[in-house]
PDB file of all heavy atoms in Angstrom:
ATOM      1  N   SER A   1       7.901  -7.631  11.354  1.00  0.00           N
ATOM      2  CA  SER A   1       8.184  -7.899   9.913  1.00  0.00           C
ATOM      3  C   SER A   1       9.464  -8.787   9.746  1.00  0.00           C
ATOM      4  O   SER A   1      10.485  -8.570  10.459  1.00  0.00           O
ATOM      5  CB  SER A   1       8.428  -6.563   9.219  1.00  0.00           C
ATOM      6  OG  SER A   1       8.929  -6.770   7.979  1.00  0.00           O
ATOM      7  N   TRP A   2       9.407  -9.677   8.681  1.00  0.00           N
ATOM      8  CA  TRP A   2      10.537 -10.488   8.408  1.00  0.00           C
ATOM      9  C   TRP A   2      11.252  -9.775   7.304  1.00  0.00           C
ATOM     10  O   TRP A   2      12.261 -10.403   6.679  1.00  0.00           O
ATOM     11  CB  TRP A   2      10.046 -11.843   8.037  1.00  0.00           C
ATOM     12  CG  TRP A   2       8.907 -11.978   7.073  1.00  0.00           C
ATOM     13  CD1 TRP A   2       9.001 -11.968   5.766  1.00  0.00           C
ATOM     14  CD2 TRP A   2       7.567 -11.896   7.362  1.00  0.00           C
ATOM     15  NE1 TRP A   2       7.713 -12.093   5.162  1.00  0.00           N
ATOM     16  CE2 TRP A   2       6.867 -11.939   6.054  1.00  0.00           C
ATOM     17  CE3 TRP A   2       6.838 -11.726   8.661  1.00  0.00           C
ATOM     18  CZ2 TRP A   2       5.393 -11.843   6.065  1.00  0.00           C
ATOM     19  CZ3 TRP A   2       5.474 -11.665   8.597  1.00  0.00           C
ATOM     20  CH2 TRP A   2       4.703 -11.817   7.282  1.00  0.00           C
ATOM     21  N   PHE A   3      10.992  -8.635   6.802  1.00  0.00           N
ATOM     22  CA  PHE A   3      11.607  -7.868   5.840  1.00  0.00           C
ATOM     23  C   PHE A   3      12.699  -6.888   6.455  1.00  0.00           C
ATOM     24  O   PHE A   3      12.496  -6.370   7.564  1.00  0.00           O
ATOM     25  CB  PHE A   3      10.768  -7.106   5.011  1.00  0.00           C
ATOM     26  CG  PHE A   3       9.827  -7.900   4.087  1.00  0.00           C
ATOM     27  CD1 PHE A   3       8.615  -8.426   4.483  1.00  0.00           C
ATOM     28  CD2 PHE A   3      10.244  -8.074   2.757  1.00  0.00           C
ATOM     29  CE1 PHE A   3       7.915  -9.169   3.554  1.00  0.00           C
ATOM     30  CE2 PHE A   3       9.449  -8.915   1.917  1.00  0.00           C
ATOM     31  CZ  PHE A   3       8.302  -9.493   2.306  1.00  0.00           C
ATOM     32  N   GLY A   4      13.842  -6.728   5.833  1.00  0.00           N
ATOM     33  CA  GLY A   4      14.849  -5.910   6.331  1.00  0.00           C
ATOM     34  C   GLY A   4      14.505  -4.418   6.150  1.00  0.00           C
ATOM     35  O   GLY A   4      14.826  -3.596   7.014  1.00  0.00           O
ATOM     36  N   GLY A   5      13.791  -4.075   5.031  1.00  0.00           N
ATOM     37  CA  GLY A   5      13.282  -2.751   4.683  1.00  0.00           C
ATOM     38  C   GLY A   5      12.061  -2.533   5.041  1.00  0.00           C
ATOM     39  O   GLY A   5      11.251  -3.297   5.553  1.00  0.00           O
ATOM     40  N   ASP A   6      11.443  -1.316   4.619  1.00  0.00           N
ATOM     41  CA  ASP A   6      10.016  -0.914   4.927  1.00  0.00           C
ATOM     42  C   ASP A   6       9.182  -1.819   3.998  1.00  0.00           C
ATOM     43  O   ASP A   6       9.229  -1.763   2.802  1.00  0.00           O
ATOM     44  CB  ASP A   6       9.876   0.495   4.659  1.00  0.00           C
ATOM     45  CG  ASP A   6      10.496   1.371   5.628  1.00  0.00           C
ATOM     46  OD1 ASP A   6      11.042   0.855   6.651  1.00  0.00           O
ATOM     47  OD2 ASP A   6      10.544   2.653   5.476  1.00  0.00           O
ATOM     48  N   ALA A   7       8.307  -2.595   4.758  1.00  0.00           N
ATOM     49  CA  ALA A   7       7.311  -3.453   4.045  1.00  0.00           C
ATOM     50  C   ALA A   7       5.964  -2.975   3.916  1.00  0.00           C
ATOM     51  O   ALA A   7       5.050  -3.687   3.506  1.00  0.00           O
ATOM     52  CB  ALA A   7       7.437  -4.978   4.627  1.00  0.00           C
ATOM     53  N   ALA A   8       5.742  -1.859   4.474  1.00  0.00           N
ATOM     54  CA  ALA A   8       4.390  -1.231   4.536  1.00  0.00           C
ATOM     55  C   ALA A   8       4.399   0.269   4.111  1.00  0.00           C
ATOM     56  O   ALA A   8       5.442   0.947   4.263  1.00  0.00           O
ATOM     57  CB  ALA A   8       3.764  -1.343   5.901  1.00  0.00           C
ATOM     58  N   ALA A   9       3.399   0.707   3.568  1.00  0.00           N
ATOM     59  CA  ALA A   9       3.427   2.124   3.145  1.00  0.00           C
ATOM     60  C   ALA A   9       2.008   2.812   2.983  1.00  0.00           C
ATOM     61  O   ALA A   9       1.096   1.884   2.794  1.00  0.00           O
ATOM     62  CB  ALA A   9       4.201   2.250   1.756  1.00  0.00           C
ATOM     63  N   ASP A  10       1.921   3.984   3.195  1.00  0.00           N
ATOM     64  CA  ASP A  10       0.689   4.784   2.943  1.00  0.00           C
ATOM     65  C   ASP A  10       1.047   5.867   1.942  1.00  0.00           C
ATOM     66  O   ASP A  10       2.022   6.667   2.186  1.00  0.00           O
ATOM     67  CB  ASP A  10       0.027   5.337   4.206  1.00  0.00           C
ATOM     68  CG  ASP A  10      -0.443   4.336   5.076  1.00  0.00           C
ATOM     69  OD1 ASP A  10      -1.465   3.726   4.753  1.00  0.00           O
ATOM     70  OD2 ASP A  10       0.081   4.164   6.263  1.00  0.00           O
ATOM     71  N   VAL A  11       0.409   6.014   0.655  1.00  0.00           N
ATOM     72  CA  VAL A  11       0.764   6.825  -0.384  1.00  0.00           C
ATOM     73  C   VAL A  11      -0.440   7.412  -0.955  1.00  0.00           C
ATOM     74  O   VAL A  11      -1.435   6.915  -1.047  1.00  0.00           O
ATOM     75  CB  VAL A  11       1.362   5.932  -1.499  1.00  0.00           C
ATOM     76  CG1 VAL A  11       2.161   6.849  -2.436  1.00  0.00           C
ATOM     77  CG2 VAL A  11       2.329   4.908  -0.939  1.00  0.00           C
ATOM     78  N   VAL A  12      -0.316   8.765  -1.179  1.00  0.00           N
ATOM     79  CA  VAL A  12      -1.359   9.536  -1.762  1.00  0.00           C
ATOM     80  C   VAL A  12      -0.663  10.238  -3.088  1.00  0.00           C
ATOM     81  O   VAL A  12       0.271  11.080  -2.883  1.00  0.00           O
ATOM     82  CB  VAL A  12      -1.827  10.537  -0.885  1.00  0.00           C
ATOM     83  CG1 VAL A  12      -3.051  11.488  -1.593  1.00  0.00           C
ATOM     84  CG2 VAL A  12      -2.556   9.957   0.337  1.00  0.00           C
ATOM     85  N   PHE A  13      -1.250  10.031  -4.228  1.00  0.00           N
ATOM     86  CA  PHE A  13      -0.849  10.650  -5.435  1.00  0.00           C
ATOM     87  C   PHE A  13      -1.920  11.639  -5.841  1.00  0.00           C
ATOM     88  O   PHE A  13      -3.079  11.376  -5.765  1.00  0.00           O
ATOM     89  CB  PHE A  13      -0.718   9.524  -6.542  1.00  0.00           C
ATOM     90  CG  PHE A  13       0.642   8.912  -6.605  1.00  0.00           C
ATOM     91  CD1 PHE A  13       0.573   7.608  -5.973  1.00  0.00           C
ATOM     92  CD2 PHE A  13       1.760   9.339  -7.038  1.00  0.00           C
ATOM     93  CE1 PHE A  13       1.699   6.819  -5.924  1.00  0.00           C
ATOM     94  CE2 PHE A  13       2.884   8.584  -7.128  1.00  0.00           C
ATOM     95  CZ  PHE A  13       2.916   7.308  -6.477  1.00  0.00           C
ATOM     96  N   ALA A  14      -1.397  12.830  -6.398  1.00  0.00           N
ATOM     97  CA  ALA A  14      -2.243  13.766  -7.022  1.00  0.00           C
ATOM     98  C   ALA A  14      -2.119  13.640  -8.602  1.00  0.00           C
ATOM     99  O   ALA A  14      -1.007  13.410  -9.115  1.00  0.00           O
ATOM    100  CB  ALA A  14      -2.033  15.176  -6.654  1.00  0.00           C
ATOM    101  N   PHE A  15      -3.201  13.419  -9.265  1.00  0.00           N
ATOM    102  CA  PHE A  15      -3.235  13.312 -10.812  1.00  0.00           C
ATOM    103  C   PHE A  15      -3.702  14.560 -11.441  1.00  0.00           C
ATOM    104  O   PHE A  15      -4.306  15.468 -10.826  1.00  0.00           O
ATOM    105  CB  PHE A  15      -4.168  12.194 -11.073  1.00  0.00           C
ATOM    106  CG  PHE A  15      -3.553  10.747 -11.081  1.00  0.00           C
ATOM    107  CD1 PHE A  15      -3.150  10.182  -9.867  1.00  0.00           C
ATOM    108  CD2 PHE A  15      -3.246  10.114 -12.380  1.00  0.00           C
ATOM    109  CE1 PHE A  15      -2.665   8.886  -9.855  1.00  0.00           C
ATOM    110  CE2 PHE A  15      -2.554   8.827 -12.225  1.00  0.00           C
ATOM    111  CZ  PHE A  15      -2.258   8.214 -10.890  1.00  0.00           C
ATOM    112  N   GLU A  16      -3.467  14.614 -12.629  1.00  0.00           N
ATOM    113  CA  GLU A  16      -3.879  15.702 -13.479  1.00  0.00           C
ATOM    114  C   GLU A  16      -5.356  15.789 -13.263  1.00  0.00           C
ATOM    115  O   GLU A  16      -6.122  14.733 -13.284  1.00  0.00           O
ATOM    116  CB  GLU A  16      -3.633  15.421 -14.995  1.00  0.00           C
ATOM    117  CG  GLU A  16      -2.190  15.381 -15.452  1.00  0.00           C
ATOM    118  CD  GLU A  16      -1.930  14.851 -16.674  1.00  0.00           C
ATOM    119  OE1 GLU A  16      -2.908  14.258 -17.335  1.00  0.00           O
ATOM    120  OE2 GLU A  16      -0.795  14.924 -17.214  1.00  0.00           O
ATOM    121  N   GLY A  17      -5.968  16.921 -13.267  1.00  0.00           N
ATOM    122  CA  GLY A  17      -7.432  17.213 -13.000  1.00  0.00           C
ATOM    123  C   GLY A  17      -7.837  17.190 -11.560  1.00  0.00           C
ATOM    124  O   GLY A  17      -8.982  17.371 -11.236  1.00  0.00           O
ATOM    125  N   GLY A  18      -6.854  16.791 -10.711  1.00  0.00           N
ATOM    126  CA  GLY A  18      -7.206  16.862  -9.164  1.00  0.00           C
ATOM    127  C   GLY A  18      -7.574  15.542  -8.730  1.00  0.00           C
ATOM    128  O   GLY A  18      -7.967  15.417  -7.424  1.00  0.00           O
ATOM    129  N   VAL A  19      -7.511  14.471  -9.394  1.00  0.00           N
ATOM    130  CA  VAL A  19      -8.086  13.131  -8.950  1.00  0.00           C
ATOM    131  C   VAL A  19      -6.964  12.810  -7.894  1.00  0.00           C
ATOM    132  O   VAL A  19      -5.727  12.865  -8.099  1.00  0.00           O
ATOM    133  CB  VAL A  19      -8.119  12.040 -10.013  1.00  0.00           C
ATOM    134  CG1 VAL A  19      -8.469  10.720  -9.386  1.00  0.00           C
ATOM    135  CG2 VAL A  19      -9.104  12.600 -11.098  1.00  0.00           C
ATOM    136  N   ARG A  20      -7.372  12.121  -6.875  1.00  0.00           N
ATOM    137  CA  ARG A  20      -6.438  11.574  -5.816  1.00  0.00           C
ATOM    138  C   ARG A  20      -6.545  10.031  -5.830  1.00  0.00           C
ATOM    139  O   ARG A  20      -7.487   9.529  -5.936  1.00  0.00           O
ATOM    140  CB  ARG A  20      -6.916  12.081  -4.411  1.00  0.00           C
ATOM    141  CG  ARG A  20      -6.615  13.455  -4.206  1.00  0.00           C
ATOM    142  CD  ARG A  20      -5.148  13.942  -4.311  1.00  0.00           C
ATOM    143  NE  ARG A  20      -4.944  15.309  -3.834  1.00  0.00           N
ATOM    144  CZ  ARG A  20      -5.095  16.415  -4.667  1.00  0.00           C
ATOM    145  NH1 ARG A  20      -5.478  16.217  -5.875  1.00  0.00           N
ATOM    146  NH2 ARG A  20      -4.811  17.547  -4.159  1.00  0.00           N
ATOM    147  N   PHE A  21      -5.411   9.414  -5.742  1.00  0.00           N
ATOM    148  CA  PHE A  21      -5.094   7.957  -5.701  1.00  0.00           C
ATOM    149  C   PHE A  21      -4.425   7.598  -4.430  1.00  0.00           C
ATOM    150  O   PHE A  21      -3.232   8.106  -4.231  1.00  0.00           O
ATOM    151  CB  PHE A  21      -4.343   7.469  -6.971  1.00  0.00           C
ATOM    152  CG  PHE A  21      -3.818   5.993  -6.757  1.00  0.00           C
ATOM    153  CD1 PHE A  21      -4.739   5.072  -6.415  1.00  0.00           C
ATOM    154  CD2 PHE A  21      -2.453   5.691  -6.877  1.00  0.00           C
ATOM    155  CE1 PHE A  21      -4.399   3.702  -6.226  1.00  0.00           C
ATOM    156  CE2 PHE A  21      -1.978   4.379  -6.568  1.00  0.00           C
ATOM    157  CZ  PHE A  21      -3.022   3.430  -6.427  1.00  0.00           C
ATOM    158  N   SER A  22      -5.107   6.965  -3.608  1.00  0.00           N
ATOM    159  CA  SER A  22      -4.481   6.478  -2.383  1.00  0.00           C
ATOM    160  C   SER A  22      -4.175   4.957  -2.183  1.00  0.00           C
ATOM    161  O   SER A  22      -5.074   4.297  -2.829  1.00  0.00           O
ATOM    162  CB  SER A  22      -5.425   6.915  -1.119  1.00  0.00           C
ATOM    163  OG  SER A  22      -6.678   6.196  -1.178  1.00  0.00           O
ATOM    164  N   PHE A  23      -3.010   4.690  -1.840  1.00  0.00           N
ATOM    165  CA  PHE A  23      -2.672   3.308  -1.734  1.00  0.00           C
ATOM    166  C   PHE A  23      -2.085   2.948  -0.286  1.00  0.00           C
ATOM    167  O   PHE A  23      -1.368   3.702   0.153  1.00  0.00           O
ATOM    168  CB  PHE A  23      -1.493   3.012  -2.661  1.00  0.00           C
ATOM    169  CG  PHE A  23      -0.759   1.668  -2.473  1.00  0.00           C
ATOM    170  CD1 PHE A  23      -1.282   0.512  -3.221  1.00  0.00           C
ATOM    171  CD2 PHE A  23       0.325   1.507  -1.773  1.00  0.00           C
ATOM    172  CE1 PHE A  23      -0.640  -0.770  -3.114  1.00  0.00           C
ATOM    173  CE2 PHE A  23       0.934   0.296  -1.594  1.00  0.00           C
ATOM    174  CZ  PHE A  23       0.422  -0.789  -2.257  1.00  0.00           C
ATOM    175  N   THR A  24      -2.591   2.085   0.292  1.00  0.00           N
ATOM    176  CA  THR A  24      -2.205   1.542   1.582  1.00  0.00           C
ATOM    177  C   THR A  24      -2.004   0.153   1.552  1.00  0.00           C
ATOM    178  O   THR A  24      -2.708  -0.691   1.065  1.00  0.00           O
ATOM    179  CB  THR A  24      -3.161   2.064   2.693  1.00  0.00           C
ATOM    180  OG1 THR A  24      -2.494   1.517   3.959  1.00  0.00           O
ATOM    181  CG2 THR A  24      -4.635   1.316   2.531  1.00  0.00           C
ATOM    182  N   GLY A  25      -0.801  -0.328   1.916  1.00  0.00           N
ATOM    183  CA  GLY A  25      -0.503  -1.736   1.785  1.00  0.00           C
ATOM    184  C   GLY A  25       0.698  -2.158   2.688  1.00  0.00           C
ATOM    185  O   GLY A  25       1.327  -1.419   3.413  1.00  0.00           O
ATOM    186  N   SER A  26       0.645  -3.589   2.762  1.00  0.00           N
ATOM    187  CA  SER A  26       1.649  -4.107   3.513  1.00  0.00           C
ATOM    188  C   SER A  26       2.031  -5.510   3.086  1.00  0.00           C
ATOM    189  O   SER A  26       1.201  -6.259   2.573  1.00  0.00           O
ATOM    190  CB  SER A  26       1.174  -4.334   5.000  1.00  0.00           C
ATOM    191  OG  SER A  26       2.158  -5.126   5.812  1.00  0.00           O
ATOM    192  N   TRP A  27       3.339  -5.915   3.065  1.00  0.00           N
ATOM    193  CA  TRP A  27       3.679  -7.293   2.801  1.00  0.00           C
ATOM    194  C   TRP A  27       3.970  -8.231   3.974  1.00  0.00           C
ATOM    195  O   TRP A  27       4.516  -9.312   3.922  1.00  0.00           O
ATOM    196  CB  TRP A  27       4.906  -7.193   1.891  1.00  0.00           C
ATOM    197  CG  TRP A  27       4.699  -7.579   0.485  1.00  0.00           C
ATOM    198  CD1 TRP A  27       3.481  -7.946   0.002  1.00  0.00           C
ATOM    199  CD2 TRP A  27       5.763  -7.551  -0.615  1.00  0.00           C
ATOM    200  NE1 TRP A  27       3.769  -8.197  -1.306  1.00  0.00           N
ATOM    201  CE2 TRP A  27       4.897  -7.952  -1.830  1.00  0.00           C
ATOM    202  CE3 TRP A  27       6.998  -7.284  -0.677  1.00  0.00           C
ATOM    203  CZ2 TRP A  27       5.539  -8.098  -3.027  1.00  0.00           C
ATOM    204  CZ3 TRP A  27       7.560  -7.338  -1.938  1.00  0.00           C
ATOM    205  CH2 TRP A  27       6.859  -7.764  -3.059  1.00  0.00           C
ATOM    206  N   CYS A  28       3.632  -7.698   5.256  1.00  0.00           N
ATOM    207  CA  CYS A  28       3.742  -8.534   6.457  1.00  0.00           C
ATOM    208  C   CYS A  28       2.421  -8.399   7.209  1.00  0.00           C
ATOM    209  O   CYS A  28       2.397  -7.957   8.417  1.00  0.00           O
ATOM    210  CB  CYS A  28       5.004  -8.122   7.156  1.00  0.00           C
ATOM    211  SG  CYS A  28       5.077  -6.388   7.561  1.00  0.00           S
ATOM    212  N   SER A  29       1.272  -8.814   6.465  1.00  0.00           N
ATOM    213  CA  SER A  29       0.019  -8.606   7.088  1.00  0.00           C
ATOM    214  C   SER A  29      -0.872  -9.798   6.975  1.00  0.00           C
ATOM    215  O   SER A  29      -1.706  -9.935   6.083  1.00  0.00           O
ATOM    216  CB  SER A  29      -0.836  -7.425   6.420  1.00  0.00           C
ATOM    217  OG  SER A  29      -2.119  -7.243   6.986  1.00  0.00           O
ATOM    218  N   PRO A  30      -0.498 -10.821   7.874  1.00  0.00           N
ATOM    219  CA  PRO A  30      -1.137 -12.098   7.736  1.00  0.00           C
ATOM    220  C   PRO A  30      -2.604 -12.027   8.195  1.00  0.00           C
ATOM    221  O   PRO A  30      -3.012 -11.339   9.151  1.00  0.00           O
ATOM    222  CB  PRO A  30      -0.358 -13.046   8.707  1.00  0.00           C
ATOM    223  CG  PRO A  30       0.271 -12.055   9.829  1.00  0.00           C
ATOM    224  CD  PRO A  30       0.515 -10.752   8.904  1.00  0.00           C
ATOM    225  N   GLY A  31      -3.510 -12.924   7.536  1.00  0.00           N
ATOM    226  CA  GLY A  31      -4.870 -12.850   8.100  1.00  0.00           C
ATOM    227  C   GLY A  31      -5.757 -11.961   7.008  1.00  0.00           C
ATOM    228  O   GLY A  31      -5.268 -10.788   6.891  1.00  0.00           O
ATOM    229  N   LEU A  32      -6.894 -12.556   6.476  1.00  0.00           N
ATOM    230  CA  LEU A  32      -7.754 -11.681   5.650  1.00  0.00           C
ATOM    231  C   LEU A  32      -7.016 -10.885   4.574  1.00  0.00           C
ATOM    232  O   LEU A  32      -7.198  -9.837   4.428  1.00  0.00           O
ATOM    233  CB  LEU A  32      -8.588 -10.677   6.567  1.00  0.00           C
ATOM    234  CG  LEU A  32      -9.476 -11.352   7.630  1.00  0.00           C
ATOM    235  CD1 LEU A  32     -10.177 -10.231   8.505  1.00  0.00           C
ATOM    236  CD2 LEU A  32     -10.533 -12.290   7.062  1.00  0.00           C
ATOM    237  N   GLU A  33      -6.194 -11.761   3.949  1.00  0.00           N
ATOM    238  CA  GLU A  33      -5.358 -11.004   2.928  1.00  0.00           C
ATOM    239  C   GLU A  33      -6.176 -10.575   1.611  1.00  0.00           C
ATOM    240  O   GLU A  33      -7.150 -11.278   1.403  1.00  0.00           O
ATOM    241  CB  GLU A  33      -4.180 -12.027   2.539  1.00  0.00           C
ATOM    242  CG  GLU A  33      -3.197 -12.314   3.623  1.00  0.00           C
ATOM    243  CD  GLU A  33      -2.072 -13.157   3.151  1.00  0.00           C
ATOM    244  OE1 GLU A  33      -1.831 -13.289   1.916  1.00  0.00           O
ATOM    245  OE2 GLU A  33      -1.370 -13.611   3.978  1.00  0.00           O
ATOM    246  N   THR A  34      -5.763  -9.618   1.085  1.00  0.00           N
ATOM    247  CA  THR A  34      -6.421  -9.183  -0.163  1.00  0.00           C
ATOM    248  C   THR A  34      -5.941  -9.955  -1.412  1.00  0.00           C
ATOM    249  O   THR A  34      -4.937 -10.707  -1.171  1.00  0.00           O
ATOM    250  CB  THR A  34      -6.152  -7.714  -0.471  1.00  0.00           C
ATOM    251  OG1 THR A  34      -4.702  -7.530  -0.845  1.00  0.00           O
ATOM    252  CG2 THR A  34      -6.463  -6.749   0.708  1.00  0.00           C
ATOM    253  N   SER A  35      -6.542  -9.708  -2.479  1.00  0.00           N
ATOM    254  CA  SER A  35      -6.107 -10.138  -3.756  1.00  0.00           C
ATOM    255  C   SER A  35      -4.549  -9.655  -4.048  1.00  0.00           C
ATOM    256  O   SER A  35      -4.278  -8.581  -3.649  1.00  0.00           O
ATOM    257  CB  SER A  35      -6.957  -9.749  -4.953  1.00  0.00           C
ATOM    258  OG  SER A  35      -6.323  -9.919  -6.141  1.00  0.00           O
ATOM    259  N   TRP A  36      -3.818 -10.254  -4.926  1.00  0.00           N
ATOM    260  CA  TRP A  36      -2.489  -9.801  -5.345  1.00  0.00           C
ATOM    261  C   TRP A  36      -2.761  -8.571  -6.133  1.00  0.00           C
ATOM    262  O   TRP A  36      -1.828  -7.689  -6.322  1.00  0.00           O
ATOM    263  CB  TRP A  36      -1.751 -10.811  -6.143  1.00  0.00           C
ATOM    264  CG  TRP A  36      -1.096 -11.823  -5.206  1.00  0.00           C
ATOM    265  CD1 TRP A  36      -1.345 -13.056  -4.942  1.00  0.00           C
ATOM    266  CD2 TRP A  36       0.240 -11.576  -4.659  1.00  0.00           C
ATOM    267  NE1 TRP A  36      -0.526 -13.557  -4.170  1.00  0.00           N
ATOM    268  CE2 TRP A  36       0.530 -12.720  -3.965  1.00  0.00           C
ATOM    269  CE3 TRP A  36       1.016 -10.451  -4.565  1.00  0.00           C
ATOM    270  CZ2 TRP A  36       1.728 -12.804  -3.126  1.00  0.00           C
ATOM    271  CZ3 TRP A  36       2.287 -10.570  -3.764  1.00  0.00           C
ATOM    272  CH2 TRP A  36       2.517 -11.741  -3.132  1.00  0.00           C
ATOM    273  N   ASN A  37      -4.018  -8.371  -6.664  1.00  0.00           N
ATOM    274  CA  ASN A  37      -4.328  -7.222  -7.504  1.00  0.00           C
ATOM    275  C   ASN A  37      -4.733  -6.080  -6.637  1.00  0.00           C
ATOM    276  O   ASN A  37      -4.745  -4.817  -6.922  1.00  0.00           O
ATOM    277  CB  ASN A  37      -5.463  -7.423  -8.281  1.00  0.00           C
ATOM    278  CG  ASN A  37      -5.035  -8.187  -9.630  1.00  0.00           C
ATOM    279  OD1 ASN A  37      -3.980  -8.048 -10.216  1.00  0.00           O
ATOM    280  ND2 ASN A  37      -5.902  -9.176  -9.978  1.00  0.00           N
TER     281      ASN A  37
END
């Protein structure tokens, strides 16, 4: 990584009603990049 701090993360949120939202991402992942969205 060319970032000084943590540029990647795995996150799981619990929402009201029990829905789970999972986010996995990185800002230092060249190749086959996703949309900015």
